[in-house]
N, C-alpha and C. Protein backbone atom coordinates (compact mmCIF):
# COMPACT_ATOMS: atom_id res chain seq x y z
N MET A 1 36.52 -15.47 -5.90
CA MET A 1 36.59 -14.95 -4.56
C MET A 1 36.36 -13.44 -4.56
N HIS A 2 36.95 -12.76 -5.54
CA HIS A 2 36.80 -11.31 -5.62
C HIS A 2 35.34 -10.92 -5.92
N LYS A 3 34.68 -11.74 -6.75
CA LYS A 3 33.29 -11.44 -7.07
C LYS A 3 32.41 -11.56 -5.83
N ILE A 4 32.66 -12.56 -5.01
CA ILE A 4 31.87 -12.74 -3.80
C ILE A 4 32.11 -11.58 -2.84
N LEU A 5 33.36 -11.19 -2.66
CA LEU A 5 33.69 -10.06 -1.78
C LEU A 5 33.09 -8.77 -2.29
N LEU A 6 33.19 -8.55 -3.59
CA LEU A 6 32.61 -7.35 -4.19
C LEU A 6 31.09 -7.34 -4.03
N SER A 7 30.46 -8.48 -4.24
CA SER A 7 29.01 -8.58 -4.07
C SER A 7 28.62 -8.32 -2.63
N ALA A 8 29.37 -8.84 -1.68
CA ALA A 8 29.07 -8.63 -0.26
C ALA A 8 29.22 -7.15 0.11
N LEU A 9 30.27 -6.51 -0.38
CA LEU A 9 30.46 -5.09 -0.11
C LEU A 9 29.34 -4.25 -0.73
N LEU A 10 28.94 -4.61 -1.92
CA LEU A 10 27.86 -3.90 -2.59
C LEU A 10 26.55 -4.03 -1.81
N MET A 11 26.27 -5.24 -1.32
CA MET A 11 25.06 -5.46 -0.54
C MET A 11 25.11 -4.68 0.78
N LEU A 12 26.27 -4.66 1.44
CA LEU A 12 26.39 -3.92 2.69
C LEU A 12 26.23 -2.42 2.48
N SER A 13 26.79 -1.90 1.40
CA SER A 13 26.67 -0.47 1.14
C SER A 13 25.24 -0.09 0.81
N SER A 14 24.54 -0.94 0.06
CA SER A 14 23.14 -0.64 -0.25
C SER A 14 22.28 -0.78 1.00
N ALA A 15 22.62 -1.68 1.89
CA ALA A 15 21.88 -1.82 3.15
C ALA A 15 22.08 -0.57 4.01
N ALA A 16 23.28 -0.01 3.98
CA ALA A 16 23.55 1.21 4.75
C ALA A 16 22.73 2.38 4.20
N VAL A 17 22.60 2.45 2.89
CA VAL A 17 21.81 3.52 2.28
C VAL A 17 20.35 3.36 2.67
N HIS A 18 19.84 2.14 2.63
CA HIS A 18 18.44 1.91 3.01
C HIS A 18 18.22 2.16 4.49
N ALA A 19 19.21 1.92 5.31
CA ALA A 19 19.07 2.16 6.74
C ALA A 19 18.98 3.65 7.04
N GLN A 20 19.59 4.49 6.21
CA GLN A 20 19.55 5.93 6.45
C GLN A 20 18.28 6.57 5.90
N THR A 21 17.64 5.96 4.94
CA THR A 21 16.48 6.55 4.30
C THR A 21 15.31 6.77 5.25
N PRO A 22 14.91 5.81 6.10
CA PRO A 22 13.77 6.07 6.97
C PRO A 22 13.98 7.26 7.89
N ALA A 23 15.19 7.48 8.36
CA ALA A 23 15.44 8.62 9.24
C ALA A 23 15.19 9.92 8.48
N ALA A 24 15.71 10.00 7.28
CA ALA A 24 15.51 11.21 6.47
C ALA A 24 14.04 11.36 6.11
N ASP A 25 13.40 10.25 5.76
CA ASP A 25 11.98 10.29 5.42
C ASP A 25 11.14 10.71 6.62
N SER A 26 11.46 10.19 7.79
CA SER A 26 10.68 10.53 8.98
C SER A 26 10.86 11.99 9.35
N ALA A 27 12.07 12.49 9.27
CA ALA A 27 12.30 13.91 9.56
C ALA A 27 11.55 14.78 8.56
N GLN A 28 11.57 14.39 7.29
CA GLN A 28 10.85 15.15 6.27
C GLN A 28 9.34 15.06 6.51
N ALA A 29 8.86 13.90 6.93
CA ALA A 29 7.43 13.74 7.21
C ALA A 29 7.00 14.64 8.36
N VAL A 30 7.85 14.75 9.39
CA VAL A 30 7.55 15.65 10.52
C VAL A 30 7.49 17.09 10.02
N GLN A 31 8.42 17.47 9.16
CA GLN A 31 8.43 18.83 8.61
C GLN A 31 7.18 19.08 7.77
N ASN A 32 6.77 18.09 6.97
CA ASN A 32 5.57 18.24 6.15
C ASN A 32 4.33 18.38 7.03
N LEU A 33 4.24 17.56 8.09
CA LEU A 33 3.12 17.63 9.01
C LEU A 33 3.03 19.01 9.67
N PHE A 34 4.16 19.49 10.17
CA PHE A 34 4.16 20.79 10.86
C PHE A 34 3.78 21.91 9.89
N LYS A 35 4.29 21.86 8.68
CA LYS A 35 3.95 22.89 7.69
C LYS A 35 2.45 22.87 7.40
N GLN A 36 1.90 21.68 7.22
CA GLN A 36 0.47 21.54 6.93
C GLN A 36 -0.36 22.07 8.10
N ARG A 37 0.00 21.72 9.32
CA ARG A 37 -0.78 22.15 10.49
C ARG A 37 -0.64 23.65 10.74
N ARG A 38 0.53 24.21 10.49
CA ARG A 38 0.69 25.67 10.64
C ARG A 38 -0.17 26.42 9.63
N THR A 39 -0.23 25.89 8.40
CA THR A 39 -1.08 26.51 7.38
C THR A 39 -2.54 26.45 7.81
N GLY A 40 -2.96 25.30 8.31
CA GLY A 40 -4.33 25.17 8.80
C GLY A 40 -4.60 26.12 9.96
N GLY A 41 -3.62 26.28 10.84
CA GLY A 41 -3.76 27.21 11.96
C GLY A 41 -3.93 28.64 11.48
N ALA A 42 -3.17 29.01 10.47
CA ALA A 42 -3.28 30.37 9.93
C ALA A 42 -4.64 30.59 9.28
N VAL A 43 -5.15 29.59 8.58
CA VAL A 43 -6.46 29.70 7.93
C VAL A 43 -7.56 29.83 8.99
N PHE A 44 -7.53 28.98 10.01
CA PHE A 44 -8.53 29.05 11.08
C PHE A 44 -8.46 30.40 11.80
N THR A 45 -7.26 30.89 12.05
CA THR A 45 -7.10 32.18 12.72
C THR A 45 -7.70 33.29 11.87
N ALA A 46 -7.43 33.27 10.58
CA ALA A 46 -7.97 34.30 9.68
C ALA A 46 -9.49 34.24 9.63
N ILE A 47 -10.05 33.05 9.57
CA ILE A 47 -11.51 32.90 9.56
C ILE A 47 -12.10 33.43 10.86
N GLY A 48 -11.47 33.09 11.98
CA GLY A 48 -11.95 33.55 13.27
C GLY A 48 -11.92 35.06 13.40
N VAL A 49 -10.82 35.66 12.98
CA VAL A 49 -10.70 37.11 13.06
C VAL A 49 -11.72 37.77 12.13
N GLY A 50 -11.86 37.25 10.93
CA GLY A 50 -12.82 37.81 9.98
C GLY A 50 -14.26 37.71 10.47
N ALA A 51 -14.64 36.54 10.97
CA ALA A 51 -16.01 36.36 11.45
C ALA A 51 -16.28 37.23 12.67
N THR A 52 -15.35 37.28 13.60
CA THR A 52 -15.53 38.11 14.78
C THR A 52 -15.65 39.57 14.39
N GLY A 53 -14.78 40.03 13.51
CA GLY A 53 -14.82 41.42 13.06
C GLY A 53 -16.12 41.76 12.37
N ALA A 54 -16.61 40.87 11.52
CA ALA A 54 -17.85 41.12 10.79
C ALA A 54 -19.04 41.20 11.74
N ILE A 55 -19.08 40.32 12.72
CA ILE A 55 -20.19 40.33 13.66
C ILE A 55 -20.14 41.56 14.55
N ILE A 56 -18.96 41.93 14.99
CA ILE A 56 -18.83 43.11 15.85
C ILE A 56 -19.17 44.38 15.06
N ARG A 57 -18.71 44.48 13.80
CA ARG A 57 -19.06 45.62 12.96
C ARG A 57 -20.56 45.71 12.77
N GLY A 58 -21.20 44.57 12.53
CA GLY A 58 -22.65 44.56 12.34
C GLY A 58 -23.38 44.96 13.61
N ALA A 59 -22.90 44.53 14.75
CA ALA A 59 -23.55 44.86 16.02
C ALA A 59 -23.33 46.31 16.39
N SER A 60 -22.21 46.87 16.01
CA SER A 60 -21.92 48.25 16.38
C SER A 60 -22.47 49.27 15.39
N SER A 61 -23.14 48.80 14.36
CA SER A 61 -23.69 49.71 13.36
C SER A 61 -24.87 50.51 13.90
N GLY A 62 -25.36 50.14 15.06
CA GLY A 62 -26.42 50.90 15.70
C GLY A 62 -27.79 50.30 15.51
N ASP A 63 -27.93 49.33 14.61
CA ASP A 63 -29.24 48.73 14.36
C ASP A 63 -29.23 47.27 14.80
N SER A 64 -28.97 47.05 16.09
CA SER A 64 -28.93 45.67 16.58
C SER A 64 -30.27 45.22 17.10
N GLY A 65 -31.25 46.13 17.13
CA GLY A 65 -32.58 45.76 17.59
C GLY A 65 -32.60 45.37 19.05
N GLY A 66 -31.68 45.89 19.84
CA GLY A 66 -31.63 45.56 21.26
C GLY A 66 -31.08 44.19 21.56
N ASN A 67 -30.38 43.59 20.63
CA ASN A 67 -29.87 42.23 20.81
C ASN A 67 -28.34 42.23 20.87
N ALA A 68 -27.77 43.09 21.69
CA ALA A 68 -26.31 43.16 21.80
C ALA A 68 -25.75 41.88 22.41
N GLY A 69 -26.48 41.27 23.34
CA GLY A 69 -26.02 40.01 23.95
C GLY A 69 -25.94 38.90 22.93
N GLY A 70 -26.89 38.86 22.01
CA GLY A 70 -26.87 37.84 20.95
C GLY A 70 -25.70 38.04 20.02
N ALA A 71 -25.36 39.30 19.77
CA ALA A 71 -24.22 39.57 18.89
C ALA A 71 -22.93 39.12 19.54
N ILE A 72 -22.81 39.29 20.86
CA ILE A 72 -21.60 38.85 21.56
C ILE A 72 -21.49 37.33 21.53
N VAL A 73 -22.59 36.66 21.78
CA VAL A 73 -22.59 35.19 21.74
C VAL A 73 -22.25 34.71 20.32
N SER A 74 -22.81 35.36 19.31
CA SER A 74 -22.51 34.99 17.92
C SER A 74 -21.04 35.21 17.60
N ALA A 75 -20.49 36.32 18.07
CA ALA A 75 -19.08 36.61 17.81
C ALA A 75 -18.19 35.55 18.46
N LEU A 76 -18.55 35.15 19.68
CA LEU A 76 -17.75 34.12 20.35
C LEU A 76 -17.90 32.76 19.68
N ALA A 77 -19.10 32.42 19.29
CA ALA A 77 -19.34 31.09 18.70
C ALA A 77 -18.79 30.99 17.29
N LEU A 78 -19.12 31.98 16.45
CA LEU A 78 -18.74 31.89 15.05
C LEU A 78 -17.32 32.38 14.76
N GLY A 79 -16.81 33.23 15.61
CA GLY A 79 -15.46 33.75 15.39
C GLY A 79 -14.46 33.24 16.41
N GLY A 80 -14.91 33.13 17.66
CA GLY A 80 -13.99 32.73 18.73
C GLY A 80 -13.52 31.30 18.63
N VAL A 81 -14.41 30.39 18.23
CA VAL A 81 -14.02 28.98 18.14
C VAL A 81 -12.95 28.77 17.07
N PRO A 82 -13.16 29.24 15.83
CA PRO A 82 -12.09 29.07 14.85
C PRO A 82 -10.80 29.81 15.24
N LEU A 83 -10.96 30.97 15.87
CA LEU A 83 -9.79 31.72 16.31
C LEU A 83 -9.00 30.92 17.34
N GLY A 84 -9.70 30.32 18.30
CA GLY A 84 -9.03 29.50 19.33
C GLY A 84 -8.36 28.28 18.73
N VAL A 85 -9.04 27.61 17.80
CA VAL A 85 -8.46 26.44 17.14
C VAL A 85 -7.21 26.85 16.36
N GLY A 86 -7.30 27.96 15.65
CA GLY A 86 -6.17 28.43 14.84
C GLY A 86 -4.96 28.78 15.69
N ILE A 87 -5.19 29.49 16.79
CA ILE A 87 -4.08 29.84 17.68
C ILE A 87 -3.49 28.59 18.31
N GLY A 88 -4.35 27.66 18.70
CA GLY A 88 -3.87 26.40 19.28
C GLY A 88 -2.98 25.62 18.32
N LYS A 89 -3.39 25.53 17.07
CA LYS A 89 -2.58 24.82 16.07
C LYS A 89 -1.26 25.54 15.83
N THR A 90 -1.33 26.85 15.77
CA THR A 90 -0.12 27.63 15.53
C THR A 90 0.90 27.42 16.65
N VAL A 91 0.42 27.36 17.87
CA VAL A 91 1.31 27.17 19.02
C VAL A 91 1.84 25.74 19.06
N ARG A 92 0.95 24.74 18.91
CA ARG A 92 1.36 23.34 19.00
C ARG A 92 2.32 22.93 17.89
N PHE A 93 2.18 23.56 16.71
CA PHE A 93 3.00 23.18 15.56
C PHE A 93 3.93 24.32 15.15
N SER A 94 4.53 24.96 16.13
CA SER A 94 5.43 26.09 15.87
C SER A 94 6.72 25.60 15.22
N LYS A 95 7.41 26.53 14.58
CA LYS A 95 8.70 26.21 13.95
C LYS A 95 9.73 25.82 15.01
N THR A 96 9.61 26.40 16.19
CA THR A 96 10.55 26.07 17.28
C THR A 96 10.38 24.62 17.69
N ARG A 97 9.13 24.18 17.89
CA ARG A 97 8.90 22.79 18.30
C ARG A 97 9.30 21.83 17.19
N GLU A 98 9.02 22.21 15.95
CA GLU A 98 9.44 21.38 14.81
C GLU A 98 10.95 21.18 14.82
N ALA A 99 11.69 22.27 15.00
CA ALA A 99 13.16 22.18 15.01
C ALA A 99 13.65 21.32 16.17
N GLU A 100 13.01 21.43 17.33
CA GLU A 100 13.40 20.61 18.49
C GLU A 100 13.18 19.13 18.21
N ILE A 101 12.04 18.80 17.62
CA ILE A 101 11.72 17.39 17.35
C ILE A 101 12.66 16.82 16.29
N VAL A 102 12.90 17.57 15.22
CA VAL A 102 13.79 17.08 14.16
C VAL A 102 15.22 16.93 14.69
N ALA A 103 15.68 17.90 15.48
CA ALA A 103 17.04 17.81 16.04
C ALA A 103 17.14 16.64 17.01
N GLY A 104 16.12 16.45 17.83
CA GLY A 104 16.12 15.32 18.76
C GLY A 104 16.10 14.00 18.02
N TYR A 105 15.32 13.92 16.95
CA TYR A 105 15.25 12.69 16.17
C TYR A 105 16.59 12.40 15.50
N SER A 106 17.24 13.44 15.02
CA SER A 106 18.56 13.26 14.42
C SER A 106 19.59 12.80 15.44
N ALA A 107 19.36 13.17 16.71
CA ALA A 107 20.27 12.77 17.78
C ALA A 107 19.91 11.41 18.37
N GLY A 108 18.86 10.77 17.84
CA GLY A 108 18.52 9.43 18.29
C GLY A 108 17.30 9.35 19.20
N LYS A 109 16.68 10.48 19.51
CA LYS A 109 15.48 10.46 20.34
C LYS A 109 14.28 10.09 19.47
N PRO A 110 13.30 9.39 20.02
CA PRO A 110 12.12 9.05 19.22
C PRO A 110 11.24 10.28 18.99
N ILE A 111 10.47 10.21 17.94
CA ILE A 111 9.49 11.27 17.67
C ILE A 111 8.41 11.15 18.73
N PRO A 112 7.99 12.27 19.33
CA PRO A 112 6.96 12.21 20.38
C PRO A 112 5.69 11.50 19.90
N ARG A 113 5.03 10.84 20.82
CA ARG A 113 3.87 10.02 20.49
C ARG A 113 2.76 10.84 19.83
N ASP A 114 2.50 12.04 20.31
CA ASP A 114 1.42 12.84 19.73
C ASP A 114 1.70 13.20 18.27
N ILE A 115 2.96 13.35 17.94
CA ILE A 115 3.33 13.64 16.54
C ILE A 115 3.29 12.37 15.71
N ARG A 116 3.82 11.26 16.25
CA ARG A 116 3.79 9.98 15.52
C ARG A 116 2.37 9.59 15.14
N ARG A 117 1.40 9.82 16.03
CA ARG A 117 0.02 9.45 15.75
C ARG A 117 -0.55 10.27 14.60
N ARG A 118 -0.09 11.49 14.42
CA ARG A 118 -0.62 12.36 13.37
C ARG A 118 0.03 12.12 12.01
N LEU A 119 1.17 11.46 11.98
CA LEU A 119 1.86 11.22 10.70
C LEU A 119 1.08 10.21 9.87
N LYS A 120 0.79 10.60 8.65
CA LYS A 120 0.08 9.74 7.70
C LYS A 120 0.98 9.51 6.51
N SER A 121 0.59 8.58 5.64
CA SER A 121 1.43 8.24 4.48
C SER A 121 1.66 9.45 3.58
N ARG A 122 0.70 10.36 3.51
CA ARG A 122 0.87 11.54 2.64
C ARG A 122 2.01 12.45 3.12
N HIS A 123 2.35 12.39 4.40
CA HIS A 123 3.44 13.22 4.92
C HIS A 123 4.80 12.67 4.50
N PHE A 124 4.87 11.40 4.11
CA PHE A 124 6.13 10.78 3.72
C PHE A 124 6.41 10.93 2.23
N THR A 125 5.45 11.41 1.47
CA THR A 125 5.65 11.60 0.04
C THR A 125 6.18 13.02 -0.21
N PRO A 126 6.96 13.21 -1.25
CA PRO A 126 7.47 14.55 -1.55
C PRO A 126 6.32 15.51 -1.79
N GLN A 127 6.43 16.71 -1.22
CA GLN A 127 5.39 17.72 -1.36
C GLN A 127 5.61 18.51 -2.64
N GLN A 128 4.53 18.84 -3.32
CA GLN A 128 4.62 19.65 -4.53
C GLN A 128 4.93 21.10 -4.15
N GLY A 129 5.81 21.73 -4.86
CA GLY A 129 6.11 23.12 -4.65
C GLY A 129 7.05 23.39 -3.48
N SER A 130 7.65 22.35 -2.91
CA SER A 130 8.58 22.57 -1.79
C SER A 130 9.98 22.73 -2.27
């Protein structure tokens, strides 16, 4: 009788541990996703600023051949697009929003649909160097 009771308690305790794991894994996956997207946002922003600066420096050197309008269009296309994407990612995946989502999830609220769609299996695995 004691063996059956002990086995039942052991199974219940292991079930409780497994029930808690997805919540911790999901919260960690959200944190990994946000970190990855913020890094991408910073890279895009840096590329955009660098490209825009290089084009503007080249156009302002005085030898534009009368093509100042082309330089502006080039700066917007080659620098403005990555800059806009980078700023957008940085805003959408801010540390503040990450904290709100993780806190809400811990309180029983579901992860927002736009974030759930972006979560991939790689976000649920432990990250190297974290």
